[in-house]
Amino acid sequence: MVPRQGLLPEPCWRGLQLGGVERLLEAIRGRGRFLPRAEAEVAPEWQQVIPHLVVMDGDRLLTLRRLRGGSERRLRGQVTLGVGGHINSEDGEGEAAWLAGCRREWAEEVVCLPALEGRAVALIKDDAGEVGRVHLGVLVLVPSGGAPVEVRERDKLEGAMVALPDLGSLYLEMETWSQFIYDALLGGQLSSASDGIRLHLPSAP
């Protein structure tokens, strides 16, 4: 987690903001710490930095629906375009912990035989709800290159590759972060996101 003060403006922007990932990782290196989950969920002065890995194959995206088996009751039934979750103290310290946590979440949530390369290209923020106030998302684009990527925890998620033009019918069921990503993709905002922090994602058999 990182302190909100000095990292996010007040009032904070809402939506998806390209760049800023390197500055965030610097904040993690210098001021990051771990808090007990129960305390972190009610402490908006601290931001839980969540990787949000979006799998893309051309114009198709891995699209998931959260099922009743998921631990976060507030998100059940909603549609998400990314996989990821909380970084744990067992992942290490500082920036290395965040990168290791990304790889762990990837291995826990999907099945993908070849190793892939992702790029952390943007920050995602939504203070409108109680969940969003304490979380700061990092958008990681993961081109699959045609490799099949499937959901691992099928009691918690169901997923399929869906073409961007077909995602509009699911828009009102999407989590707000996914709505921001869909809007950015539809508007071409992410087509120029060629830079970013490179992230190696090992094989997840």
Protein backbone atom coordinates (compact mmCIF):
# COMPACT_ATOMS: atom_id res chain seq x y z
CA MET A 1 0.00 0.00 0.00
CA VAL A 2 1.05 3.60 -0.55
CA PRO A 3 -0.10 6.83 1.11
CA ARG A 4 -2.66 8.70 -0.96
CA GLN A 5 -1.19 12.08 0.02
CA GLY A 6 1.44 13.22 -2.42
CA LEU A 7 0.51 10.57 -4.97
CA LEU A 8 -3.05 11.49 -6.00
CA PRO A 9 -4.42 15.02 -6.41
CA GLU A 10 -7.40 16.27 -4.43
CA PRO A 11 -9.97 16.12 -5.84
CA CYS A 12 -8.72 13.05 -7.65
CA TRP A 13 -9.27 12.39 -11.32
CA ARG A 14 -11.73 9.60 -12.14
CA GLY A 15 -11.14 7.07 -14.87
CA LEU A 16 -8.07 5.83 -16.68
CA GLN A 17 -4.87 7.86 -16.88
CA LEU A 18 -2.05 6.81 -19.20
CA GLY A 19 1.39 6.73 -17.64
CA GLY A 20 2.22 7.33 -14.01
CA VAL A 21 3.25 3.72 -13.33
CA GLU A 22 6.95 4.50 -12.82
CA ARG A 23 6.08 7.25 -10.34
CA LEU A 24 3.78 4.85 -8.50
CA LEU A 25 6.51 2.21 -8.26
CA GLU A 26 8.87 4.86 -6.89
CA ALA A 27 6.27 5.64 -4.20
CA ILE A 28 6.03 1.93 -3.39
CA ARG A 29 9.81 1.73 -3.04
CA GLY A 30 10.00 4.75 -0.77
CA ARG A 31 6.75 4.71 1.21
CA GLY A 32 5.04 1.38 0.64
CA ARG A 33 3.93 -0.79 3.52
CA PHE A 34 1.53 -3.61 4.33
CA LEU A 35 -1.55 -3.21 6.54
CA PRO A 36 -3.97 -5.87 7.79
CA ARG A 37 -6.69 -6.37 5.16
CA ALA A 38 -9.54 -5.41 7.53
CA GLU A 39 -7.79 -2.14 8.35
CA ALA A 40 -6.85 -1.40 4.75
CA GLU A 41 -10.44 -1.74 3.49
CA VAL A 42 -11.58 1.23 5.61
CA ALA A 43 -8.50 3.47 5.25
CA PRO A 44 -8.82 5.63 2.11
CA GLU A 45 -5.71 7.57 3.16
CA TRP A 46 -3.86 4.43 2.04
CA GLN A 47 -4.19 3.01 -1.46
CA GLN A 48 -4.09 -0.72 -2.18
CA VAL A 49 -2.25 -1.00 -5.51
CA ILE A 50 -4.05 -3.65 -7.56
CA PRO A 51 -2.72 -5.14 -10.83
CA HIS A 52 -5.46 -5.38 -13.45
CA LEU A 53 -4.18 -7.63 -16.25
CA VAL A 54 -6.24 -7.39 -19.44
CA VAL A 55 -5.70 -10.22 -21.94
CA MET A 56 -6.10 -9.19 -25.57
CA ASP A 57 -5.95 -11.11 -28.84
CA GLY A 58 -6.51 -8.62 -31.62
CA ASP A 59 -9.83 -6.97 -30.83
CA ARG A 60 -10.90 -9.79 -28.49
CA LEU A 61 -10.61 -9.48 -24.72
CA LEU A 62 -10.77 -12.06 -21.96
CA THR A 63 -14.11 -11.20 -20.34
CA LEU A 64 -15.03 -12.62 -16.95
CA ARG A 65 -18.08 -12.71 -14.73
CA ARG A 66 -17.62 -13.00 -10.97
CA LEU A 67 -19.57 -15.91 -9.49
CA ARG A 68 -20.93 -16.62 -6.02
CA GLY A 69 -17.77 -18.50 -5.08
CA GLY A 70 -15.77 -15.25 -5.05
CA SER A 71 -14.75 -13.83 -1.68
CA GLU A 72 -15.69 -10.21 -2.47
CA ARG A 73 -19.48 -10.12 -2.07
CA ARG A 74 -19.73 -6.54 -3.33
CA LEU A 75 -18.50 -7.59 -6.78
CA ARG A 76 -20.45 -10.83 -7.34
CA GLY A 77 -22.30 -11.00 -10.64
CA GLN A 78 -20.33 -8.18 -12.19
CA VAL A 79 -18.33 -8.40 -15.40
CA THR A 80 -14.63 -7.60 -15.43
CA LEU A 81 -12.11 -7.30 -18.24
CA GLY A 82 -9.10 -7.96 -16.04
CA VAL A 83 -7.60 -10.49 -13.67
CA GLY A 84 -5.61 -9.59 -10.60
CA GLY A 85 -5.89 -8.98 -6.92
CA HIS A 86 -4.19 -7.89 -3.73
CA ILE A 87 -0.44 -7.94 -3.17
CA ASN A 88 0.52 -9.87 -0.04
CA SER A 89 3.41 -9.53 2.38
CA GLU A 90 4.53 -13.01 1.30
CA ASP A 91 5.28 -11.55 -2.14
CA GLY A 92 8.30 -9.68 -0.75
CA GLU A 93 9.01 -6.01 -0.19
CA GLY A 94 8.61 -2.79 -2.14
CA GLU A 95 8.50 -2.76 -5.92
CA ALA A 96 9.72 -6.38 -6.09
CA ALA A 97 6.68 -7.45 -4.05
CA TRP A 98 4.31 -5.71 -6.45
CA LEU A 99 5.89 -7.33 -9.50
CA ALA A 100 5.95 -10.74 -7.81
CA GLY A 101 2.33 -10.29 -6.75
CA CYS A 102 1.33 -9.61 -10.37
CA ARG A 103 2.90 -12.89 -11.47
CA ARG A 104 1.33 -14.78 -8.56
CA GLU A 105 -2.14 -13.44 -9.34
CA TRP A 106 -1.67 -14.38 -12.99
CA ALA A 107 -0.72 -17.96 -12.09
CA GLU A 108 -3.61 -18.23 -9.61
CA GLU A 109 -6.34 -16.95 -11.92
CA VAL A 110 -5.58 -18.19 -15.45
CA VAL A 111 -4.27 -21.18 -17.35
CA CYS A 112 -1.85 -20.21 -20.12
CA LEU A 113 0.89 -22.54 -21.36
CA PRO A 114 3.26 -20.10 -23.07
CA ALA A 115 4.94 -17.30 -21.16
CA LEU A 116 3.60 -13.88 -22.14
CA GLU A 117 4.83 -10.29 -21.87
CA GLY A 118 2.61 -7.61 -20.39
CA ARG A 119 2.98 -3.82 -20.21
CA ALA A 120 1.80 -1.73 -17.27
CA VAL A 121 0.58 1.36 -19.12
CA ALA A 122 -2.00 3.26 -17.02
CA LEU A 123 -3.55 3.94 -13.63
CA ILE A 124 -7.24 3.41 -12.85
CA LYS A 125 -9.12 5.27 -10.14
CA ASP A 126 -12.73 5.58 -9.01
CA ASP A 127 -13.54 7.15 -5.65
CA ALA A 128 -17.30 6.89 -6.15
CA GLY A 129 -17.78 3.68 -4.14
CA GLU A 130 -16.45 2.20 -0.93
CA VAL A 131 -14.37 -0.37 -2.84
CA GLY A 132 -12.83 2.15 -5.23
CA ARG A 133 -11.87 4.65 -2.54
CA VAL A 134 -9.24 2.33 -1.10
CA HIS A 135 -7.92 0.83 -4.36
CA LEU A 136 -5.67 2.15 -7.12
CA GLY A 137 -5.54 0.01 -10.25
CA VAL A 138 -2.62 -0.53 -12.58
CA LEU A 139 -3.68 -1.50 -16.10
CA VAL A 140 -1.43 -4.21 -17.55
CA LEU A 141 -2.11 -5.03 -21.20
CA VAL A 142 -1.26 -8.65 -22.04
CA PRO A 143 -1.30 -9.54 -25.76
CA SER A 144 -1.83 -13.29 -25.98
CA GLY A 145 -0.59 -13.70 -29.56
CA GLY A 146 -3.29 -16.27 -30.21
CA ALA A 147 -2.39 -18.42 -27.21
CA PRO A 148 -5.45 -19.71 -25.35
CA VAL A 149 -5.93 -18.14 -21.92
CA GLU A 150 -8.56 -19.75 -19.71
CA VAL A 151 -10.00 -19.17 -16.25
CA ARG A 152 -8.46 -21.37 -13.56
CA GLU A 153 -10.86 -20.81 -10.62
CA ARG A 154 -14.11 -21.77 -12.32
CA ASP A 155 -16.05 -21.72 -9.06
CA LYS A 156 -15.25 -18.00 -8.80
CA LEU A 157 -15.13 -16.83 -12.42
CA GLU A 158 -16.47 -17.75 -15.82
CA GLY A 159 -14.76 -16.34 -18.85
CA ALA A 160 -14.59 -16.17 -22.63
CA MET A 161 -12.81 -14.16 -25.31
CA VAL A 162 -15.25 -11.52 -26.55
CA ALA A 163 -14.77 -9.10 -29.45
CA LEU A 164 -14.74 -5.43 -28.50
CA PRO A 165 -17.80 -4.59 -30.65
CA ASP A 166 -19.80 -7.23 -28.75
CA LEU A 167 -18.90 -5.94 -25.29
CA GLY A 168 -21.32 -3.03 -25.45
CA SER A 169 -24.23 -5.27 -24.43
CA LEU A 170 -22.37 -6.04 -21.16
CA TYR A 171 -21.44 -2.45 -20.38
CA LEU A 172 -23.98 -1.85 -17.62
CA GLU A 173 -22.91 -5.08 -15.91
CA MET A 174 -19.22 -4.15 -15.91
CA GLU A 175 -17.28 -2.99 -12.89
CA THR A 176 -16.39 0.67 -13.25
CA TRP A 177 -12.71 -0.07 -13.90
CA SER A 178 -13.73 -2.27 -16.82
CA GLN A 179 -16.05 0.44 -18.13
CA PHE A 180 -13.09 2.85 -18.10
CA ILE A 181 -10.98 0.32 -20.03
CA TYR A 182 -13.76 -0.39 -22.54
CA ASP A 183 -14.26 3.35 -23.14
CA ALA A 184 -10.51 3.87 -23.63
CA LEU A 185 -10.27 0.98 -26.09
CA LEU A 186 -13.33 2.10 -28.00
CA GLY A 187 -11.99 5.66 -28.21
CA GLY A 188 -8.54 4.55 -29.31
CA GLN A 189 -6.88 5.94 -26.20
CA LEU A 190 -4.90 2.76 -25.59
CA SER A 191 -3.77 2.28 -29.19
CA SER A 192 -0.85 4.63 -28.51
CA ALA A 193 0.07 2.97 -25.23
CA SER A 194 3.20 1.34 -26.63
CA ASP A 195 5.40 2.16 -23.66
CA GLY A 196 5.06 1.11 -20.06
CA ILE A 197 6.71 -1.13 -17.52
CA ARG A 198 7.39 -4.53 -19.05
CA LEU A 199 6.18 -7.48 -17.03
CA HIS A 200 7.18 -11.07 -17.76
CA LEU A 201 4.36 -13.51 -17.05
CA PRO A 202 5.65 -17.10 -16.80
CA SER A 203 3.82 -20.13 -18.07
CA ALA A 204 0.75 -20.96 -15.96
CA PRO A 205 -0.08 -24.60 -16.77
